[in-house]
Amino acid sequence: MDQVGTGNAEHQGVMTKGEVLPRPASSQSEGFKQGHSVLNSLISGAFAGAVAKTAVAPLDRTKIIFQVSSNRFSAKEAYRLIYRTYLKDGFFSLWRGNSATMVRVIPYAAIQFCSHEQYKRILGQHYGFQGKALPPVPRLLAGSLAGTTAAMITYPLDMVRARMAVTPKEMYSNILHVFVRISREEGLQTIYRGFTPTILGVVPYAGLSFFTYETLKKLHAEHTGRSQPYSYERLAFGACAGLIGQSASYPLDVVRRRMQTAGVTGHSYGSISGTMREIVTEEGVIRGLYKGLSMNWVKGPIAVGISFMTFDLMQILLRKLQQFSHSAR
């Protein structure tokens, strides 16, 4: 052993200037695993977002139409709107704007879920909880940071999706056409109209959603002794997370939609407080700022539940595929 140590010392002593020692195998392996983990999170998040949003697209479109109008919301009126749209434009018109939703949701969900995993890892190292469930405050912080990161990167696509959802198909032929017309007729800065209420809404929404889901999984593991919940349990945990997260941030979601679609609805909403004042004055607090919330209590939990469940199951599937490919070598 001494001879080996001496040999290493001598070798290091005669290293030429600029020569670099090779990275230890364990460090390379760690980096490779980390890269795989990020890729898995991106793929799983993208798939989860696409499946969840497509499942509830007709309800989402209906909710946006009510949010940006002064018409009174009720379940009966929502059903009538969906039925009239179906009779007038056909079944697939209920998914109008879903292509724009996918263009936004796939990168948004991929970034949000992936960044959440990374923020959990970073905060876990900082607080000394690496590989374990984070304490409550870092758990909430990880979710808020993940939602903020995703929203900042993909916001223009959210703006486009809102415009396509509330306008007739003759007005905008495709996603690129929306960008071109908005920049030409309203100015390029319009692409980021409603950005501030979006971020203010995302912080409690994403924070509480991830916090609730992670907390329910932790409590489940402690009470059942099973580290992995069943699929229907994941769906239920995600539904609770969506219900709490969306209820907390809903008024800001209404404000965001009004500001995003101001150019095509004839209003001139300039600020968050001004938009809120106008909505409350014309429609009241509950009927204005919480318009469509009852639909969100149906749509939101379903979408968030499907999203969290799909993400977890995709992560498990991809890990198993990796293990299978390694063992087959």
Protein backbone atom coordinates (compact mmCIF):
# COMPACT_ATOMS: atom_id res chain seq x y z
CA MET A 1 0.00 0.00 0.00
CA ASP A 2 2.89 2.36 0.85
CA GLN A 3 4.48 1.69 -2.51
CA VAL A 4 1.26 2.57 -4.30
CA GLY A 5 0.98 5.78 -2.33
CA THR A 6 4.59 6.69 -3.08
CA GLY A 7 4.12 5.96 -6.75
CA ASN A 8 1.14 8.33 -6.85
CA ALA A 9 3.13 11.01 -5.07
CA GLU A 10 6.02 10.66 -7.49
CA HIS A 11 3.66 10.78 -10.46
CA GLN A 12 2.07 13.98 -9.15
CA GLY A 13 5.52 15.44 -8.57
CA VAL A 14 6.53 15.08 -12.24
CA MET A 15 3.23 16.39 -13.70
CA THR A 16 3.88 18.96 -16.38
CA LYS A 17 2.39 22.43 -16.18
CA GLY A 18 -1.22 22.52 -17.42
CA GLU A 19 -1.68 18.77 -16.93
CA VAL A 20 -4.98 17.95 -15.25
CA LEU A 21 -5.70 14.98 -13.07
CA PRO A 22 -8.55 12.82 -14.42
CA ARG A 23 -11.91 13.18 -12.68
CA PRO A 24 -12.60 10.38 -10.24
CA ALA A 25 -14.94 7.72 -11.63
CA SER A 26 -17.43 8.34 -8.83
CA SER A 27 -17.66 12.06 -9.75
CA GLN A 28 -18.22 11.22 -13.43
CA SER A 29 -20.87 8.70 -12.45
CA GLU A 30 -22.57 11.29 -10.22
CA GLY A 31 -22.64 13.81 -13.05
CA PHE A 32 -24.04 11.21 -15.44
CA LYS A 33 -26.79 10.30 -12.95
CA GLN A 34 -27.63 13.99 -12.43
CA GLY A 35 -27.91 14.52 -16.19
CA HIS A 36 -30.21 11.51 -16.50
CA SER A 37 -32.32 12.81 -13.61
CA VAL A 38 -32.77 16.23 -15.28
CA LEU A 39 -33.69 14.63 -18.62
CA ASN A 40 -36.17 12.28 -16.95
CA SER A 41 -37.79 15.21 -15.13
CA LEU A 42 -38.08 17.23 -18.35
CA ILE A 43 -39.66 14.36 -20.31
CA SER A 44 -42.00 13.37 -17.47
CA GLY A 45 -43.06 16.98 -16.84
CA ALA A 46 -43.74 17.64 -20.53
CA PHE A 47 -45.85 14.49 -20.85
CA ALA A 48 -47.72 15.21 -17.60
CA GLY A 49 -48.61 18.74 -18.66
CA ALA A 50 -49.79 17.67 -22.14
CA VAL A 51 -52.03 14.86 -20.85
CA ALA A 52 -53.56 16.95 -18.04
CA LYS A 53 -54.32 20.05 -20.11
CA THR A 54 -55.75 18.15 -23.08
CA ALA A 55 -58.09 16.29 -20.72
CA VAL A 56 -59.68 19.51 -19.43
CA ALA A 57 -59.24 21.79 -22.48
CA PRO A 58 -63.00 22.35 -23.18
CA LEU A 59 -63.62 23.36 -19.55
CA ASP A 60 -60.50 25.55 -19.55
CA ARG A 61 -61.59 27.39 -22.70
CA THR A 62 -65.09 27.95 -21.27
CA LYS A 63 -63.61 29.29 -18.02
CA ILE A 64 -61.41 31.80 -19.89
CA ILE A 65 -64.38 33.06 -21.96
CA PHE A 66 -66.34 33.80 -18.76
CA GLN A 67 -63.30 35.29 -17.02
CA VAL A 68 -62.78 37.93 -19.72
CA SER A 69 -66.46 38.87 -20.16
CA SER A 70 -68.95 40.61 -17.86
CA ASN A 71 -71.53 37.82 -18.36
CA ARG A 72 -72.67 36.16 -15.15
CA PHE A 73 -71.23 32.69 -14.58
CA SER A 74 -73.24 29.63 -13.62
CA ALA A 75 -72.93 25.91 -14.32
CA LYS A 76 -76.03 26.13 -16.52
CA GLU A 77 -74.60 29.02 -18.56
CA ALA A 78 -71.25 27.21 -18.90
CA TYR A 79 -73.04 24.11 -20.22
CA ARG A 80 -75.04 26.26 -22.67
CA LEU A 81 -71.84 27.91 -23.95
CA ILE A 82 -70.15 24.53 -24.49
CA TYR A 83 -73.25 23.15 -26.24
CA ARG A 84 -73.68 26.23 -28.48
CA THR A 85 -70.00 26.09 -29.44
CA TYR A 86 -70.38 22.41 -30.30
CA LEU A 87 -73.48 23.03 -32.46
CA LYS A 88 -71.98 26.05 -34.23
CA ASP A 89 -68.37 24.99 -34.84
CA GLY A 90 -68.29 21.24 -34.21
CA PHE A 91 -66.88 18.95 -31.54
CA PHE A 92 -63.20 19.77 -32.05
CA SER A 93 -63.86 23.51 -31.69
CA LEU A 94 -64.10 22.81 -27.94
CA TRP A 95 -60.33 22.30 -28.11
CA ARG A 96 -59.72 25.60 -29.96
CA GLY A 97 -56.51 27.15 -28.67
CA ASN A 98 -55.30 23.78 -27.37
CA SER A 99 -52.43 23.76 -29.89
CA ALA A 100 -51.29 27.08 -28.39
CA THR A 101 -51.86 25.57 -24.94
CA MET A 102 -49.62 22.61 -25.83
CA VAL A 103 -46.91 24.90 -27.20
CA ARG A 104 -46.93 26.65 -23.82
CA VAL A 105 -47.82 23.80 -21.45
CA ILE A 106 -45.24 21.28 -22.66
CA PRO A 107 -42.22 23.55 -21.99
CA TYR A 108 -43.95 25.10 -18.93
CA ALA A 109 -44.66 21.76 -17.24
CA ALA A 110 -41.26 20.36 -18.25
CA ILE A 111 -39.45 23.39 -16.76
CA GLN A 112 -41.68 23.53 -13.67
CA PHE A 113 -41.36 19.87 -12.70
CA CYS A 114 -37.66 19.70 -13.59
CA SER A 115 -36.79 22.92 -11.74
CA HIS A 116 -38.83 21.73 -8.75
CA GLU A 117 -36.68 18.59 -8.54
CA GLN A 118 -33.52 20.73 -8.77
CA TYR A 119 -34.72 23.29 -6.20
CA LYS A 120 -35.58 20.41 -3.84
CA ARG A 121 -32.06 19.01 -4.29
CA ILE A 122 -30.38 22.42 -3.76
CA LEU A 123 -32.52 23.29 -0.72
CA GLY A 124 -32.04 19.76 0.62
CA GLN A 125 -28.25 20.21 0.48
CA HIS A 126 -28.54 23.65 2.10
CA TYR A 127 -30.77 22.50 4.97
CA GLY A 128 -29.12 19.10 5.37
CA PHE A 129 -32.14 17.12 4.16
CA GLN A 130 -30.59 15.63 1.02
CA GLY A 131 -32.60 12.62 -0.15
CA LYS A 132 -35.33 13.19 2.46
CA ALA A 133 -38.59 15.13 2.53
CA LEU A 134 -37.90 18.84 3.02
CA PRO A 135 -39.20 20.78 6.06
CA PRO A 136 -42.40 22.83 5.41
CA VAL A 137 -40.86 26.23 4.55
CA PRO A 138 -38.27 24.94 2.03
CA ARG A 139 -40.98 22.64 0.61
CA LEU A 140 -43.18 25.70 -0.04
CA LEU A 141 -40.23 27.70 -1.38
CA ALA A 142 -39.21 24.96 -3.85
CA GLY A 143 -42.70 24.94 -5.38
CA SER A 144 -42.92 28.74 -5.61
CA LEU A 145 -39.49 29.02 -7.25
CA ALA A 146 -40.36 26.24 -9.74
CA GLY A 147 -43.61 27.94 -10.78
CA THR A 148 -41.93 31.36 -11.07
CA THR A 149 -39.09 29.95 -13.21
CA ALA A 150 -41.51 28.26 -15.62
CA ALA A 151 -43.87 31.26 -15.84
CA MET A 152 -41.05 33.72 -16.59
CA ILE A 153 -39.71 31.62 -19.46
CA THR A 154 -43.04 30.73 -21.13
CA TYR A 155 -45.25 33.79 -20.48
CA PRO A 156 -45.65 35.02 -24.11
CA LEU A 157 -47.12 31.63 -25.04
CA ASP A 158 -49.70 31.97 -22.25
CA MET A 159 -50.71 35.36 -23.67
CA VAL A 160 -51.17 33.82 -27.14
CA ARG A 161 -53.24 30.96 -25.75
CA ALA A 162 -55.61 33.36 -23.96
CA ARG A 163 -56.10 35.41 -27.14
CA MET A 164 -56.85 32.32 -29.24
CA ALA A 165 -59.32 31.02 -26.66
CA VAL A 166 -61.54 34.14 -26.69
CA THR A 167 -61.45 35.14 -30.38
CA PRO A 168 -63.16 33.66 -33.46
CA LYS A 169 -60.92 31.45 -35.59
CA GLU A 170 -61.08 34.02 -38.44
CA MET A 171 -59.15 36.56 -36.33
CA TYR A 172 -56.00 34.52 -35.75
CA SER A 173 -55.13 31.68 -38.11
CA ASN A 174 -52.25 30.23 -36.04
CA ILE A 175 -49.88 30.92 -33.15
CA LEU A 176 -47.38 32.89 -35.26
CA HIS A 177 -50.21 35.04 -36.64
CA VAL A 178 -51.17 36.05 -33.08
CA PHE A 179 -47.61 37.24 -32.36
CA VAL A 180 -47.43 39.15 -35.68
CA ARG A 181 -50.81 40.91 -35.26
CA ILE A 182 -50.26 41.81 -31.61
CA SER A 183 -46.79 43.27 -32.26
CA ARG A 184 -48.01 45.19 -35.34
CA GLU A 185 -51.34 46.51 -33.96
CA GLU A 186 -50.72 46.82 -30.20
CA GLY A 187 -46.95 46.90 -29.81
CA LEU A 188 -44.48 44.20 -28.79
CA GLN A 189 -44.76 45.15 -25.09
CA THR A 190 -48.35 43.80 -25.19
CA ILE A 191 -46.90 40.26 -25.28
CA TYR A 192 -46.01 40.76 -21.58
CA ARG A 193 -49.24 42.47 -20.52
CA GLY A 194 -50.52 40.76 -17.38
CA PHE A 195 -47.06 39.43 -16.49
CA THR A 196 -47.00 40.91 -12.96
CA PRO A 197 -50.32 39.38 -11.80
CA THR A 198 -49.18 36.11 -13.37
CA ILE A 199 -46.04 35.98 -11.23
CA LEU A 200 -47.94 37.17 -8.13
CA GLY A 201 -50.48 34.41 -8.74
CA VAL A 202 -47.94 31.69 -9.56
CA VAL A 203 -46.05 32.10 -6.28
CA PRO A 204 -48.96 30.97 -4.03
CA TYR A 205 -50.40 28.61 -6.66
CA ALA A 206 -47.27 26.61 -7.45
CA GLY A 207 -45.97 26.89 -3.88
CA LEU A 208 -49.17 25.56 -2.29
CA SER A 209 -49.74 22.93 -5.01
CA PHE A 210 -46.31 21.33 -4.70
CA PHE A 211 -46.32 21.83 -0.92
CA THR A 212 -49.70 20.09 -0.52
CA TYR A 213 -48.80 17.20 -2.83
CA GLU A 214 -45.41 16.58 -1.22
CA THR A 215 -46.89 16.88 2.29
CA LEU A 216 -49.69 14.38 1.54
CA LYS A 217 -47.15 11.92 0.10
CA LYS A 218 -44.98 12.31 3.22
CA LEU A 219 -47.93 11.78 5.58
CA HIS A 220 -49.07 8.80 3.53
CA ALA A 221 -45.63 7.15 3.78
CA GLU A 222 -45.53 7.74 7.55
CA HIS A 223 -49.01 6.28 8.14
CA THR A 224 -48.96 3.33 5.71
CA GLY A 225 -45.28 2.38 5.67
CA ARG A 226 -45.41 2.35 1.84
CA SER A 227 -42.87 4.65 0.18
CA GLN A 228 -44.88 4.80 -3.05
CA PRO A 229 -48.63 5.62 -3.11
CA TYR A 230 -50.95 3.84 -5.55
CA SER A 231 -51.97 5.67 -8.75
CA TYR A 232 -55.43 6.60 -7.47
CA GLU A 233 -53.85 7.94 -4.26
CA ARG A 234 -51.48 10.15 -6.29
CA LEU A 235 -54.50 11.38 -8.27
CA ALA A 236 -56.35 12.24 -5.04
CA PHE A 237 -53.29 14.01 -3.55
CA GLY A 238 -52.86 16.02 -6.76
CA ALA A 239 -56.56 16.92 -6.78
CA CYS A 240 -56.28 18.30 -3.22
CA ALA A 241 -53.14 20.21 -4.23
CA GLY A 242 -54.92 21.76 -7.24
CA LEU A 243 -57.98 22.71 -5.20
CA ILE A 244 -55.93 24.54 -2.56
CA GLY A 245 -53.44 26.14 -4.95
CA GLN A 246 -55.98 27.45 -7.46
CA SER A 247 -58.42 28.74 -4.84
CA ALA A 248 -55.64 30.81 -3.23
CA SER A 249 -54.53 32.48 -6.46
CA TYR A 250 -57.79 32.68 -8.46
CA PRO A 251 -58.50 36.47 -8.31
CA LEU A 252 -55.06 37.16 -9.82
CA ASP A 253 -55.82 34.62 -12.55
CA VAL A 254 -58.97 36.61 -13.49
CA VAL A 255 -56.97 39.87 -13.50
CA ARG A 256 -54.28 38.28 -15.67
CA ARG A 257 -56.84 37.08 -18.25
CA ARG A 258 -58.54 40.51 -18.39
CA MET A 259 -55.20 42.26 -18.99
CA GLN A 260 -54.09 39.68 -21.58
CA THR A 261 -57.27 40.00 -23.66
CA ALA A 262 -57.85 43.75 -23.24
CA GLY A 263 -56.88 44.40 -26.86
CA VAL A 264 -59.72 42.26 -28.24
CA THR A 265 -62.45 42.89 -25.63
CA GLY A 266 -62.56 46.69 -25.87
CA HIS A 267 -61.23 47.36 -22.36
CA SER A 268 -58.06 49.21 -21.40
CA TYR A 269 -56.84 47.56 -18.22
CA GLY A 270 -53.57 49.22 -17.26
CA SER A 271 -52.65 47.99 -13.78
CA ILE A 272 -53.50 45.19 -11.35
CA SER A 273 -55.23 47.50 -8.84
CA GLY A 274 -57.10 49.35 -11.61
CA THR A 275 -58.27 46.10 -13.18
CA MET A 276 -59.42 44.77 -9.80
CA ARG A 277 -61.28 48.00 -9.02
CA GLU A 278 -63.08 47.96 -12.37
CA ILE A 279 -64.07 44.28 -12.02
CA VAL A 280 -65.35 44.78 -8.45
CA THR A 281 -67.24 48.00 -9.39
CA GLU A 282 -68.96 46.44 -12.42
CA GLU A 283 -69.47 42.85 -11.24
CA GLY A 284 -68.80 42.64 -7.50
CA VAL A 285 -66.15 40.70 -5.58
CA ILE A 286 -67.55 37.16 -5.75
CA ARG A 287 -69.18 37.38 -9.18
CA GLY A 288 -66.20 39.26 -10.64
CA LEU A 289 -62.91 38.21 -9.05
CA TYR A 290 -64.10 34.64 -8.38
CA LYS A 291 -66.04 34.18 -11.62
CA GLY A 292 -65.63 30.63 -12.89
CA LEU A 293 -64.07 29.38 -9.65
CA SER A 294 -66.71 26.67 -9.26
CA MET A 295 -65.69 25.36 -12.71
CA ASN A 296 -62.07 25.53 -11.60
CA TRP A 297 -62.98 23.36 -8.61
CA VAL A 298 -64.00 20.72 -11.15
CA LYS A 299 -61.34 21.34 -13.79
CA GLY A 300 -58.39 22.29 -11.57
CA PRO A 301 -58.24 19.25 -9.28
CA ILE A 302 -58.70 16.90 -12.27
CA ALA A 303 -55.91 18.61 -14.25
CA VAL A 304 -53.46 18.92 -11.34
CA GLY A 305 -54.25 15.39 -10.13
CA ILE A 306 -53.60 13.93 -13.60
CA SER A 307 -50.47 16.06 -13.93
CA PHE A 308 -48.84 15.00 -10.63
CA MET A 309 -49.85 11.36 -11.08
CA THR A 310 -48.55 11.22 -14.67
CA PHE A 311 -45.27 12.88 -13.69
CA ASP A 312 -44.60 10.41 -10.86
CA LEU A 313 -45.55 7.36 -12.93
CA MET A 314 -43.43 8.53 -15.89
CA GLN A 315 -40.46 9.05 -13.56
CA ILE A 316 -40.85 5.50 -12.22
CA LEU A 317 -41.23 4.08 -15.76
CA LEU A 318 -38.14 5.90 -17.08
CA ARG A 319 -36.04 4.76 -14.09
CA LYS A 320 -37.11 1.16 -14.68
CA LEU A 321 -36.26 1.43 -18.39
CA GLN A 322 -32.81 2.77 -17.49
CA GLN A 323 -32.22 -0.06 -15.01
CA PHE A 324 -33.36 -2.58 -17.65
CA SER A 325 -31.02 -1.13 -20.29
CA HIS A 326 -28.07 -1.20 -17.83
CA SER A 327 -28.75 -4.79 -16.80
CA ALA A 328 -29.10 -5.84 -20.48
CA ARG A 329 -25.57 -4.59 -21.25
